[in-house]
Amino acid sequence: MALSEDDKDRLFRHWKTIKNNVEMRYIIDLLIEERVISPDEWEDMKKSHQLEKDRTEAFLHWLLKQSEKSYDAFLKALHNGKYDFISEKLDRNMQRNHPLTDLSTQLGGKNG
């Protein structure tokens, strides 16, 4: 099943925070293990993008075209990679139970 518009909206809403805070090297192994992305696809992204922020942004563009399974694996990888403060904002189940808050507050005012 394709990524829902609600999931895409959550990615767009937190795009800057994800791009400026998530280092793919800490989450990519789980995504490969879960068969969300192939090692070849990841290598292509790494070769095309030298900066970590650019790699993360390339991955986000790629993720927008993927399935809900891929999105859920991304949330799991964020959680396991110690990016709970981001995964909670993207988790569709948490969204039903908690009001939206500005992630910059949790980052100590850092707007990236």
PDB file of N, CA and C in Angstrom:
ATOM      1  N   MET A   1       0.841  -1.177   0.000  1.00  0.00           N
ATOM      2  CA  MET A   1       0.000   0.000   0.000  1.00  0.00           C
ATOM      3  C   MET A   1       0.893   1.251   0.000  1.00  0.00           C
ATOM      4  N   ALA A   2       0.572   2.204  -0.813  1.00  0.00           N
ATOM      5  CA  ALA A   2       1.347   3.440  -0.947  1.00  0.00           C
ATOM      6  C   ALA A   2       1.281   4.256   0.342  1.00  0.00           C
ATOM      7  N   LEU A   3       2.252   5.095   0.513  1.00  0.00           N
ATOM      8  CA  LEU A   3       2.297   5.980   1.677  1.00  0.00           C
ATOM      9  C   LEU A   3       1.070   6.889   1.668  1.00  0.00           C
ATOM     10  N   SER A   4       0.396   6.976   2.803  1.00  0.00           N
ATOM     11  CA  SER A   4      -0.821   7.782   2.886  1.00  0.00           C
ATOM     12  C   SER A   4      -0.486   9.274   2.821  1.00  0.00           C
ATOM     13  N   GLU A   5      -1.472  10.045   2.469  1.00  0.00           N
ATOM     14  CA  GLU A   5      -1.294  11.504   2.437  1.00  0.00           C
ATOM     15  C   GLU A   5      -1.012  12.040   3.837  1.00  0.00           C
ATOM     16  N   ASP A   6      -1.611  11.423   4.858  1.00  0.00           N
ATOM     17  CA  ASP A   6      -1.349  11.847   6.237  1.00  0.00           C
ATOM     18  C   ASP A   6       0.110  11.595   6.623  1.00  0.00           C
ATOM     19  N   ASP A   7       0.649  10.443   6.240  1.00  0.00           N
ATOM     20  CA  ASP A   7       2.051  10.146   6.532  1.00  0.00           C
ATOM     21  C   ASP A   7       2.971  11.106   5.783  1.00  0.00           C
ATOM     22  N   LYS A   8       2.632  11.370   4.526  1.00  0.00           N
ATOM     23  CA  LYS A   8       3.424  12.339   3.754  1.00  0.00           C
ATOM     24  C   LYS A   8       3.381  13.706   4.414  1.00  0.00           C
ATOM     25  N   ASP A   9       2.201  14.092   4.875  1.00  0.00           N
ATOM     26  CA  ASP A   9       2.049  15.387   5.529  1.00  0.00           C
ATOM     27  C   ASP A   9       2.928  15.477   6.773  1.00  0.00           C
ATOM     28  N   ARG A  10       2.979  14.395   7.557  1.00  0.00           N
ATOM     29  CA  ARG A  10       3.830  14.396   8.750  1.00  0.00           C
ATOM     30  C   ARG A  10       5.295  14.541   8.359  1.00  0.00           C
ATOM     31  N   LEU A  11       5.716  13.887   7.287  1.00  0.00           N
ATOM     32  CA  LEU A  11       7.103  14.039   6.824  1.00  0.00           C
ATOM     33  C   LEU A  11       7.376  15.474   6.400  1.00  0.00           C
ATOM     34  N   PHE A  12       6.459  16.061   5.634  1.00  0.00           N
ATOM     35  CA  PHE A  12       6.646  17.445   5.187  1.00  0.00           C
ATOM     36  C   PHE A  12       6.696  18.415   6.371  1.00  0.00           C
ATOM     37  N   ARG A  13       5.820  18.204   7.356  1.00  0.00           N
ATOM     38  CA  ARG A  13       5.751  19.090   8.512  1.00  0.00           C
ATOM     39  C   ARG A  13       7.048  19.098   9.319  1.00  0.00           C
ATOM     40  N   HIS A  14       7.740  17.958   9.331  1.00  0.00           N
ATOM     41  CA  HIS A  14       8.954  17.823  10.146  1.00  0.00           C
ATOM     42  C   HIS A  14      10.212  17.634   9.304  1.00  0.00           C
ATOM     43  N   TRP A  15      10.115  17.972   8.032  1.00  0.00           N
ATOM     44  CA  TRP A  15      11.207  17.787   7.065  1.00  0.00           C
ATOM     45  C   TRP A  15      12.518  18.406   7.555  1.00  0.00           C
ATOM     46  N   LYS A  16      12.477  19.664   7.926  1.00  0.00           N
ATOM     47  CA  LYS A  16      13.688  20.382   8.334  1.00  0.00           C
ATOM     48  C   LYS A  16      14.315  19.742   9.576  1.00  0.00           C
ATOM     49  N   THR A  17      13.486  19.376  10.532  1.00  0.00           N
ATOM     50  CA  THR A  17      13.995  18.755  11.752  1.00  0.00           C
ATOM     51  C   THR A  17      14.651  17.414  11.445  1.00  0.00           C
ATOM     52  N   ILE A  18      14.009  16.625  10.607  1.00  0.00           N
ATOM     53  CA  ILE A  18      14.587  15.329  10.230  1.00  0.00           C
ATOM     54  C   ILE A  18      15.908  15.552   9.514  1.00  0.00           C
ATOM     55  N   LYS A  19      15.893  16.406   8.511  1.00  0.00           N
ATOM     56  CA  LYS A  19      17.079  16.662   7.699  1.00  0.00           C
ATOM     57  C   LYS A  19      18.252  17.173   8.535  1.00  0.00           C
ATOM     58  N   ASN A  20      17.979  18.032   9.484  1.00  0.00           N
ATOM     59  CA  ASN A  20      19.044  18.651  10.261  1.00  0.00           C
ATOM     60  C   ASN A  20      19.509  17.837  11.468  1.00  0.00           C
ATOM     61  N   ASN A  21      18.767  16.802  11.834  1.00  0.00           N
ATOM     62  CA  ASN A  21      19.105  16.050  13.039  1.00  0.00           C
ATOM     63  C   ASN A  21      19.412  14.574  12.823  1.00  0.00           C
ATOM     64  N   VAL A  22      18.792  13.944  11.853  1.00  0.00           N
ATOM     65  CA  VAL A  22      18.971  12.506  11.658  1.00  0.00           C
ATOM     66  C   VAL A  22      20.221  12.239  10.826  1.00  0.00           C
ATOM     67  N   GLU A  23      21.085  11.422  11.375  1.00  0.00           N
ATOM     68  CA  GLU A  23      22.255  10.960  10.637  1.00  0.00           C
ATOM     69  C   GLU A  23      21.950   9.538  10.171  1.00  0.00           C
ATOM     70  N   MET A  24      21.858   9.388   8.878  1.00  0.00           N
ATOM     71  CA  MET A  24      21.443   8.116   8.285  1.00  0.00           C
ATOM     72  C   MET A  24      22.348   6.954   8.706  1.00  0.00           C
ATOM     73  N   ARG A  25      23.601   7.229   8.959  1.00  0.00           N
ATOM     74  CA  ARG A  25      24.526   6.147   9.337  1.00  0.00           C
ATOM     75  C   ARG A  25      24.066   5.429  10.601  1.00  0.00           C
ATOM     76  N   TYR A  26      23.239   6.088  11.425  1.00  0.00           N
ATOM     77  CA  TYR A  26      22.756   5.466  12.651  1.00  0.00           C
ATOM     78  C   TYR A  26      21.484   4.650  12.458  1.00  0.00           C
ATOM     79  N   ILE A  27      20.834   4.806  11.313  1.00  0.00           N
ATOM     80  CA  ILE A  27      19.563   4.091  11.124  1.00  0.00           C
ATOM     81  C   ILE A  27      19.527   3.215   9.872  1.00  0.00           C
ATOM     82  N   ILE A  28      20.483   3.392   8.977  1.00  0.00           N
ATOM     83  CA  ILE A  28      20.409   2.706   7.677  1.00  0.00           C
ATOM     84  C   ILE A  28      20.507   1.192   7.790  1.00  0.00           C
ATOM     85  N   ASP A  29      21.308   0.684   8.722  1.00  0.00           N
ATOM     86  CA  ASP A  29      21.460  -0.770   8.830  1.00  0.00           C
ATOM     87  C   ASP A  29      20.135  -1.463   9.101  1.00  0.00           C
ATOM     88  N   LEU A  30      19.330  -0.894   9.997  1.00  0.00           N
ATOM     89  CA  LEU A  30      18.023  -1.490  10.279  1.00  0.00           C
ATOM     90  C   LEU A  30      17.126  -1.430   9.045  1.00  0.00           C
ATOM     91  N   LEU A  31      17.197  -0.338   8.315  1.00  0.00           N
ATOM     92  CA  LEU A  31      16.373  -0.209   7.109  1.00  0.00           C
ATOM     93  C   LEU A  31      16.777  -1.229   6.052  1.00  0.00           C
ATOM     94  N   ILE A  32      18.051  -1.513   5.966  1.00  0.00           N
ATOM     95  CA  ILE A  32      18.517  -2.547   5.034  1.00  0.00           C
ATOM     96  C   ILE A  32      18.090  -3.922   5.537  1.00  0.00           C
ATOM     97  N   GLU A  33      18.239  -4.175   6.849  1.00  0.00           N
ATOM     98  CA  GLU A  33      17.825  -5.461   7.428  1.00  0.00           C
ATOM     99  C   GLU A  33      16.334  -5.712   7.224  1.00  0.00           C
ATOM    100  N   GLU A  34      15.542  -4.663   7.318  1.00  0.00           N
ATOM    101  CA  GLU A  34      14.086  -4.785   7.136  1.00  0.00           C
ATOM    102  C   GLU A  34      13.701  -4.830   5.657  1.00  0.00           C
ATOM    103  N   ARG A  35      14.688  -4.761   4.788  1.00  0.00           N
ATOM    104  CA  ARG A  35      14.493  -4.789   3.334  1.00  0.00           C
ATOM    105  C   ARG A  35      13.645  -3.621   2.834  1.00  0.00           C
ATOM    106  N   VAL A  36      13.814  -2.486   3.513  1.00  0.00           N
ATOM    107  CA  VAL A  36      13.134  -1.264   3.104  1.00  0.00           C
ATOM    108  C   VAL A  36      13.887  -0.642   1.938  1.00  0.00           C
ATOM    109  N   ILE A  37      15.190  -0.663   2.041  1.00  0.00           N
ATOM    110  CA  ILE A  37      16.056  -0.122   1.000  1.00  0.00           C
ATOM    111  C   ILE A  37      17.165  -1.137   0.751  1.00  0.00           C
ATOM    112  N   SER A  38      17.572  -1.245  -0.483  1.00  0.00           N
ATOM    113  CA  SER A  38      18.631  -2.205  -0.803  1.00  0.00           C
ATOM    114  C   SER A  38      19.994  -1.566  -0.567  1.00  0.00           C
ATOM    115  N   PRO A  39      21.002  -2.376  -0.318  1.00  0.00           N
ATOM    116  CA  PRO A  39      22.352  -1.823  -0.180  1.00  0.00           C
ATOM    117  C   PRO A  39      22.774  -1.022  -1.417  1.00  0.00           C
ATOM    118  N   ASP A  40      22.372  -1.471  -2.597  1.00  0.00           N
ATOM    119  CA  ASP A  40      22.726  -0.745  -3.825  1.00  0.00           C
ATOM    120  C   ASP A  40      22.062   0.628  -3.884  1.00  0.00           C
ATOM    121  N   GLU A  41      20.796   0.700  -3.489  1.00  0.00           N
ATOM    122  CA  GLU A  41      20.106   1.998  -3.479  1.00  0.00           C
ATOM    123  C   GLU A  41      20.793   2.952  -2.498  1.00  0.00           C
ATOM    124  N   TRP A  42      21.167   2.436  -1.326  1.00  0.00           N
ATOM    125  CA  TRP A  42      21.827   3.270  -0.338  1.00  0.00           C
ATOM    126  C   TRP A  42      23.205   3.726  -0.832  1.00  0.00           C
ATOM    127  N   GLU A  43      23.937   2.832  -1.451  1.00  0.00           N
ATOM    128  CA  GLU A  43      25.253   3.201  -1.990  1.00  0.00           C
ATOM    129  C   GLU A  43      25.120   4.297  -3.041  1.00  0.00           C
ATOM    130  N   ASP A  44      24.098   4.197  -3.885  1.00  0.00           N
ATOM    131  CA  ASP A  44      23.865   5.238  -4.897  1.00  0.00           C
ATOM    132  C   ASP A  44      23.590   6.585  -4.235  1.00  0.00           C
ATOM    133  N   MET A  45      22.792   6.583  -3.171  1.00  0.00           N
ATOM    134  CA  MET A  45      22.503   7.831  -2.456  1.00  0.00           C
ATOM    135  C   MET A  45      23.770   8.400  -1.830  1.00  0.00           C
ATOM    136  N   LYS A  46      24.587   7.526  -1.241  1.00  0.00           N
ATOM    137  CA  LYS A  46      25.815   7.995  -0.596  1.00  0.00           C
ATOM    138  C   LYS A  46      26.776   8.588  -1.619  1.00  0.00           C
ATOM    139  N   LYS A  47      26.904   7.945  -2.760  1.00  0.00           N
ATOM    140  CA  LYS A  47      27.818   8.439  -3.797  1.00  0.00           C
ATOM    141  C   LYS A  47      27.348   9.773  -4.372  1.00  0.00           C
ATOM    142  N   SER A  48      26.053   9.952  -4.451  1.00  0.00           N
ATOM    143  CA  SER A  48      25.486  11.164  -5.046  1.00  0.00           C
ATOM    144  C   SER A  48      25.439  12.344  -4.089  1.00  0.00           C
ATOM    145  N   HIS A  49      25.542  12.076  -2.796  1.00  0.00           N
ATOM    146  CA  HIS A  49      25.378  13.128  -1.787  1.00  0.00           C
ATOM    147  C   HIS A  49      26.467  12.999  -0.735  1.00  0.00           C
ATOM    148  N   GLN A  50      27.356  13.970  -0.691  1.00  0.00           N
ATOM    149  CA  GLN A  50      28.495  13.920   0.215  1.00  0.00           C
ATOM    150  C   GLN A  50      28.136  14.330   1.645  1.00  0.00           C
ATOM    151  N   LEU A  51      27.285  15.316   1.802  1.00  0.00           N
ATOM    152  CA  LEU A  51      26.930  15.805   3.133  1.00  0.00           C
ATOM    153  C   LEU A  51      25.830  14.951   3.752  1.00  0.00           C
ATOM    154  N   GLU A  52      25.913  14.753   5.050  1.00  0.00           N
ATOM    155  CA  GLU A  52      24.929  13.942   5.766  1.00  0.00           C
ATOM    156  C   GLU A  52      23.509  14.484   5.592  1.00  0.00           C
ATOM    157  N   LYS A  53      23.336  15.806   5.669  1.00  0.00           N
ATOM    158  CA  LYS A  53      22.005  16.395   5.492  1.00  0.00           C
ATOM    159  C   LYS A  53      21.453  16.092   4.106  1.00  0.00           C
ATOM    160  N   ASP A  54      22.329  16.113   3.109  1.00  0.00           N
ATOM    161  CA  ASP A  54      21.894  15.829   1.740  1.00  0.00           C
ATOM    162  C   ASP A  54      21.492  14.371   1.582  1.00  0.00           C
ATOM    163  N   ARG A  55      22.209  13.479   2.254  1.00  0.00           N
ATOM    164  CA  ARG A  55      21.853  12.053   2.216  1.00  0.00           C
ATOM    165  C   ARG A  55      20.502  11.825   2.872  1.00  0.00           C
ATOM    166  N   THR A  56      20.302  12.474   4.006  1.00  0.00           N
ATOM    167  CA  THR A  56      19.021  12.335   4.705  1.00  0.00           C
ATOM    168  C   THR A  56      17.887  12.873   3.846  1.00  0.00           C
ATOM    169  N   GLU A  57      18.116  14.023   3.216  1.00  0.00           N
ATOM    170  CA  GLU A  57      17.076  14.593   2.360  1.00  0.00           C
ATOM    171  C   GLU A  57      16.796  13.699   1.152  1.00  0.00           C
ATOM    172  N   ALA A  58      17.824  13.129   0.567  1.00  0.00           N
ATOM    173  CA  ALA A  58      17.636  12.202  -0.559  1.00  0.00           C
ATOM    174  C   ALA A  58      16.809  10.996  -0.111  1.00  0.00           C
ATOM    175  N   PHE A  59      17.100  10.506   1.088  1.00  0.00           N
ATOM    176  CA  PHE A  59      16.325   9.384   1.606  1.00  0.00           C
ATOM    177  C   PHE A  59      14.864   9.787   1.801  1.00  0.00           C
ATOM    178  N   LEU A  60      14.616  10.987   2.320  1.00  0.00           N
ATOM    179  CA  LEU A  60      13.228  11.434   2.512  1.00  0.00           C
ATOM    180  C   LEU A  60      12.475  11.511   1.190  1.00  0.00           C
ATOM    181  N   HIS A  61      13.130  12.016   0.163  1.00  0.00           N
ATOM    182  CA  HIS A  61      12.492  12.047  -1.164  1.00  0.00           C
ATOM    183  C   HIS A  61      12.159  10.626  -1.617  1.00  0.00           C
ATOM    184  N   TRP A  62      13.075   9.718  -1.395  1.00  0.00           N
ATOM    185  CA  TRP A  62      12.884   8.311  -1.759  1.00  0.00           C
ATOM    186  C   TRP A  62      11.725   7.725  -0.954  1.00  0.00           C
ATOM    187  N   LEU A  63      11.699   8.015   0.371  1.00  0.00           N
ATOM    188  CA  LEU A  63      10.668   7.454   1.251  1.00  0.00           C
ATOM    189  C   LEU A  63       9.266   7.892   0.850  1.00  0.00           C
ATOM    190  N   LEU A  64       9.128   9.102   0.360  1.00  0.00           N
ATOM    191  CA  LEU A  64       7.815   9.597  -0.063  1.00  0.00           C
ATOM    192  C   LEU A  64       7.177   8.725  -1.137  1.00  0.00           C
ATOM    193  N   LYS A  65       7.989   7.998  -1.875  1.00  0.00           N
ATOM    194  CA  LYS A  65       7.486   7.165  -2.971  1.00  0.00           C
ATOM    195  C   LYS A  65       7.300   5.701  -2.557  1.00  0.00           C
ATOM    196  N   GLN A  66       7.510   5.421  -1.274  1.00  0.00           N
ATOM    197  CA  GLN A  66       7.476   4.040  -0.806  1.00  0.00           C
ATOM    198  C   GLN A  66       6.155   3.699  -0.122  1.00  0.00           C
ATOM    199  N   SER A  67       6.125   2.546   0.525  1.00  0.00           N
ATOM    200  CA  SER A  67       4.907   2.024   1.150  1.00  0.00           C
ATOM    201  C   SER A  67       4.825   2.397   2.628  1.00  0.00           C
ATOM    202  N   GLU A  68       3.666   2.111   3.211  1.00  0.00           N
ATOM    203  CA  GLU A  68       3.491   2.301   4.645  1.00  0.00           C
ATOM    204  C   GLU A  68       4.459   1.419   5.424  1.00  0.00           C
ATOM    205  N   LYS A  69       4.753   0.241   4.903  1.00  0.00           N
ATOM    206  CA  LYS A  69       5.719  -0.659   5.555  1.00  0.00           C
ATOM    207  C   LYS A  69       7.079   0.034   5.668  1.00  0.00           C
ATOM    208  N   SER A  70       7.482   0.724   4.627  1.00  0.00           N
ATOM    209  CA  SER A  70       8.750   1.443   4.646  1.00  0.00           C
ATOM    210  C   SER A  70       8.714   2.579   5.664  1.00  0.00           C
ATOM    211  N   TYR A  71       7.608   3.290   5.710  1.00  0.00           N
ATOM    212  CA  TYR A  71       7.434   4.381   6.672  1.00  0.00           C
ATOM    213  C   TYR A  71       7.520   3.847   8.099  1.00  0.00           C
ATOM    214  N   ASP A  72       6.826   2.739   8.358  1.00  0.00           N
ATOM    215  CA  ASP A  72       6.834   2.146   9.691  1.00  0.00           C
ATOM    216  C   ASP A  72       8.237   1.676  10.080  1.00  0.00           C
ATOM    217  N   ALA A  73       8.967   1.121   9.133  1.00  0.00           N
ATOM    218  CA  ALA A  73      10.349   0.696   9.401  1.00  0.00           C
ATOM    219  C   ALA A  73      11.229   1.914   9.685  1.00  0.00           C
ATOM    220  N   PHE A  74      10.989   3.014   8.997  1.00  0.00           N
ATOM    221  CA  PHE A  74      11.719   4.252   9.253  1.00  0.00           C
ATOM    222  C   PHE A  74      11.460   4.727  10.683  1.00  0.00           C
ATOM    223  N   LEU A  75      10.202   4.683  11.128  1.00  0.00           N
ATOM    224  CA  LEU A  75       9.875   5.067  12.502  1.00  0.00           C
ATOM    225  C   LEU A  75      10.594   4.174  13.504  1.00  0.00           C
ATOM    226  N   LYS A  76      10.612   2.882  13.228  1.00  0.00           N
ATOM    227  CA  LYS A  76      11.299   1.929  14.109  1.00  0.00           C
ATOM    228  C   LYS A  76      12.799   2.231  14.143  1.00  0.00           C
ATOM    229  N   ALA A  77      13.374   2.511  12.992  1.00  0.00           N
ATOM    230  CA  ALA A  77      14.801   2.832  12.925  1.00  0.00           C
ATOM    231  C   ALA A  77      15.105   4.126  13.683  1.00  0.00           C
ATOM    232  N   LEU A  78      14.236   5.125  13.554  1.00  0.00           N
ATOM    233  CA  LEU A  78      14.422   6.367  14.308  1.00  0.00           C
ATOM    234  C   LEU A  78      14.397   6.098  15.806  1.00  0.00           C
ATOM    235  N   HIS A  79      13.444   5.301  16.225  1.00  0.00           N
ATOM    236  CA  HIS A  79      13.325   4.963  17.648  1.00  0.00           C
ATOM    237  C   HIS A  79      14.587   4.234  18.127  1.00  0.00           C
ATOM    238  N   ASN A  80      15.018   3.245  17.387  1.00  0.00           N
ATOM    239  CA  ASN A  80      16.204   2.471  17.765  1.00  0.00           C
ATOM    240  C   ASN A  80      17.485   3.298  17.665  1.00  0.00           C
ATOM    241  N   GLY A  81      17.469   4.299  16.801  1.00  0.00           N
ATOM    242  CA  GLY A  81      18.634   5.158  16.620  1.00  0.00           C
ATOM    243  C   GLY A  81      18.663   6.330  17.574  1.00  0.00           C
ATOM    244  N   LYS A  82      17.825   6.282  18.595  1.00  0.00           N
ATOM    245  CA  LYS A  82      17.766   7.327  19.626  1.00  0.00           C
ATOM    246  C   LYS A  82      17.218   8.651  19.120  1.00  0.00           C
ATOM    247  N   TYR A  83      16.333   8.576  18.135  1.00  0.00           N
ATOM    248  CA  TYR A  83      15.646   9.760  17.628  1.00  0.00           C
ATOM    249  C   TYR A  83      14.168   9.695  18.019  1.00  0.00           C
ATOM    250  N   ASP A  84      13.898   9.298  19.251  1.00  0.00           N
ATOM    251  CA  ASP A  84      12.522   9.166  19.727  1.00  0.00           C
ATOM    252  C   ASP A  84      11.727  10.454  19.558  1.00  0.00           C
ATOM    253  N   PHE A  85      12.373  11.583  19.818  1.00  0.00           N
ATOM    254  CA  PHE A  85      11.672  12.861  19.752  1.00  0.00           C
ATOM    255  C   PHE A  85      11.163  13.148  18.345  1.00  0.00           C
ATOM    256  N   ILE A  86      11.769  12.520  17.343  1.00  0.00           N
ATOM    257  CA  ILE A  86      11.287  12.669  15.966  1.00  0.00           C
ATOM    258  C   ILE A  86      10.275  11.577  15.643  1.00  0.00           C
ATOM    259  N   SER A  87      10.592  10.334  16.014  1.00  0.00           N
ATOM    260  CA  SER A  87       9.677   9.231  15.679  1.00  0.00           C
ATOM    261  C   SER A  87       8.297   9.443  16.301  1.00  0.00           C
ATOM    262  N   GLU A  88       8.251  10.043  17.492  1.00  0.00           N
ATOM    263  CA  GLU A  88       6.959  10.305  18.130  1.00  0.00           C
ATOM    264  C   GLU A  88       6.126  11.299  17.318  1.00  0.00           C
ATOM    265  N   LYS A  89       6.773  12.255  16.686  1.00  0.00           N
ATOM    266  CA  LYS A  89       6.057  13.249  15.878  1.00  0.00           C
ATOM    267  C   LYS A  89       5.543  12.651  14.571  1.00  0.00           C
ATOM    268  N   LEU A  90       6.206  11.612  14.106  1.00  0.00           N
ATOM    269  CA  LEU A  90       5.826  10.991  12.836  1.00  0.00           C
ATOM    270  C   LEU A  90       4.886   9.806  13.011  1.00  0.00           C
ATOM    271  N   ASP A  91       4.799   9.279  14.219  1.00  0.00           N
ATOM    272  CA  ASP A  91       3.999   8.087  14.488  1.00  0.00           C
ATOM    273  C   ASP A  91       2.518   8.428  14.434  1.00  0.00           C
ATOM    274  N   ARG A  92       1.808   7.784  13.521  1.00  0.00           N
ATOM    275  CA  ARG A  92       0.375   8.079  13.344  1.00  0.00           C
ATOM    276  C   ARG A  92      -0.431   7.726  14.587  1.00  0.00           C
ATOM    277  N   ASN A  93      -0.017   6.754  15.373  1.00  0.00           N
ATOM    278  CA  ASN A  93      -0.743   6.398  16.598  1.00  0.00           C
ATOM    279  C   ASN A  93      -0.523   7.431  17.695  1.00  0.00           C
ATOM    280  N   MET A  94       0.685   7.954  17.789  1.00  0.00           N
ATOM    281  CA  MET A  94       0.975   8.996  18.783  1.00  0.00           C
ATOM    282  C   MET A  94       0.232  10.273  18.431  1.00  0.00           C
ATOM    283  N   GLN A  95       0.058  10.548  17.160  1.00  0.00           N
ATOM    284  CA  GLN A  95      -0.615  11.764  16.722  1.00  0.00           C
ATOM    285  C   GLN A  95      -2.053  11.808  17.215  1.00  0.00           C
ATOM    286  N   ARG A  96      -2.673  10.673  17.351  1.00  0.00           N
ATOM    287  CA  ARG A  96      -4.057  10.631  17.819  1.00  0.00           C
ATOM    288  C   ARG A  96      -4.155  10.932  19.306  1.00  0.00           C
ATOM    289  N   ASN A  97      -3.064  10.645  20.040  1.00  0.00           N
ATOM    290  CA  ASN A  97      -3.109  10.764  21.490  1.00  0.00           C
ATOM    291  C   ASN A  97      -2.461  12.020  22.047  1.00  0.00           C
ATOM    292  N   HIS A  98      -1.624  12.686  21.242  1.00  0.00           N
ATOM    293  CA  HIS A  98      -0.894  13.838  21.739  1.00  0.00           C
ATOM    294  C   HIS A  98      -1.051  15.020  20.793  1.00  0.00           C
ATOM    295  N   PRO A  99      -1.185  16.212  21.365  1.00  0.00           N
ATOM    296  CA  PRO A  99      -1.250  17.399  20.495  1.00  0.00           C
ATOM    297  C   PRO A  99       0.099  17.636  19.842  1.00  0.00           C
ATOM    298  N   LEU A 100       0.074  18.278  18.706  1.00  0.00           N
ATOM    299  CA  LEU A 100       1.318  18.608  18.025  1.00  0.00           C
ATOM    300  C   LEU A 100       2.066  19.654  18.831  1.00  0.00           C
ATOM    301  N   THR A 101       3.357  19.467  18.929  1.00  0.00           N
ATOM    302  CA  THR A 101       4.209  20.461  19.568  1.00  0.00           C
ATOM    303  C   THR A 101       5.348  20.763  18.631  1.00  0.00           C
ATOM    304  N   ASP A 102       5.935  21.907  18.813  1.00  0.00           N
ATOM    305  CA  ASP A 102       7.054  22.327  17.980  1.00  0.00           C
ATOM    306  C   ASP A 102       8.296  21.555  18.385  1.00  0.00           C
ATOM    307  N   LEU A 103       8.894  20.847  17.455  1.00  0.00           N
ATOM    308  CA  LEU A 103      10.096  20.073  17.747  1.00  0.00           C
ATOM    309  C   LEU A 103      11.249  20.959  18.183  1.00  0.00           C
ATOM    310  N   SER A 104      11.273  22.195  17.747  1.00  0.00           N
ATOM    311  CA  SER A 104      12.388  23.066  18.120  1.00  0.00           C
ATOM    312  C   SER A 104      12.421  23.281  19.631  1.00  0.00           C
ATOM    313  N   THR A 105      11.285  23.195  20.297  1.00  0.00           N
ATOM    314  CA  THR A 105      11.242  23.316  21.743  1.00  0.00           C
ATOM    315  C   THR A 105      12.032  22.188  22.384  1.00  0.00           C
ATOM    316  N   GLN A 106      11.881  20.973  21.866  1.00  0.00           N
ATOM    317  CA  GLN A 106      12.602  19.837  22.405  1.00  0.00           C
ATOM    318  C   GLN A 106      14.084  19.865  22.040  1.00  0.00           C
ATOM    319  N   LEU A 107      14.424  20.631  21.034  1.00  0.00           N
ATOM    320  CA  LEU A 107      15.820  20.735  20.604  1.00  0.00           C
ATOM    321  C   LEU A 107      16.509  21.924  21.274  1.00  0.00           C
ATOM    322  N   GLY A 108      15.873  22.497  22.258  1.00  0.00           N
ATOM    323  CA  GLY A 108      16.451  23.624  22.956  1.00  0.00           C
ATOM    324  C   GLY A 108      16.434  24.901  22.145  1.00  0.00           C
ATOM    325  N   GLY A 109      15.418  25.053  21.318  1.00  0.00           N
ATOM    326  CA  GLY A 109      15.273  26.259  20.518  1.00  0.00           C
ATOM    327  C   GLY A 109      16.025  26.214  19.216  1.00  0.00           C
ATOM    328  N   LYS A 110      16.723  25.134  18.943  1.00  0.00           N
ATOM    329  CA  LYS A 110      17.489  25.019  17.692  1.00  0.00           C
ATOM    330  C   LYS A 110      16.524  24.842  16.535  1.00  0.00           C
ATOM    331  N   ASN A 111      16.618  25.695  15.558  1.00  0.00           N
ATOM    332  CA  ASN A 111      15.744  25.615  14.391  1.00  0.00           C
ATOM    333  C   ASN A 111      16.454  25.003  13.204  1.00  0.00           C
ATOM    334  N   GLY A 112      17.675  24.571  13.385  1.00  0.00           N
ATOM    335  CA  GLY A 112      18.425  23.863  12.356  1.00  0.00           C
ATOM    336  C   GLY A 112      18.907  24.726  11.316  1.00  0.00           C
TER     337      GLY A 112
END
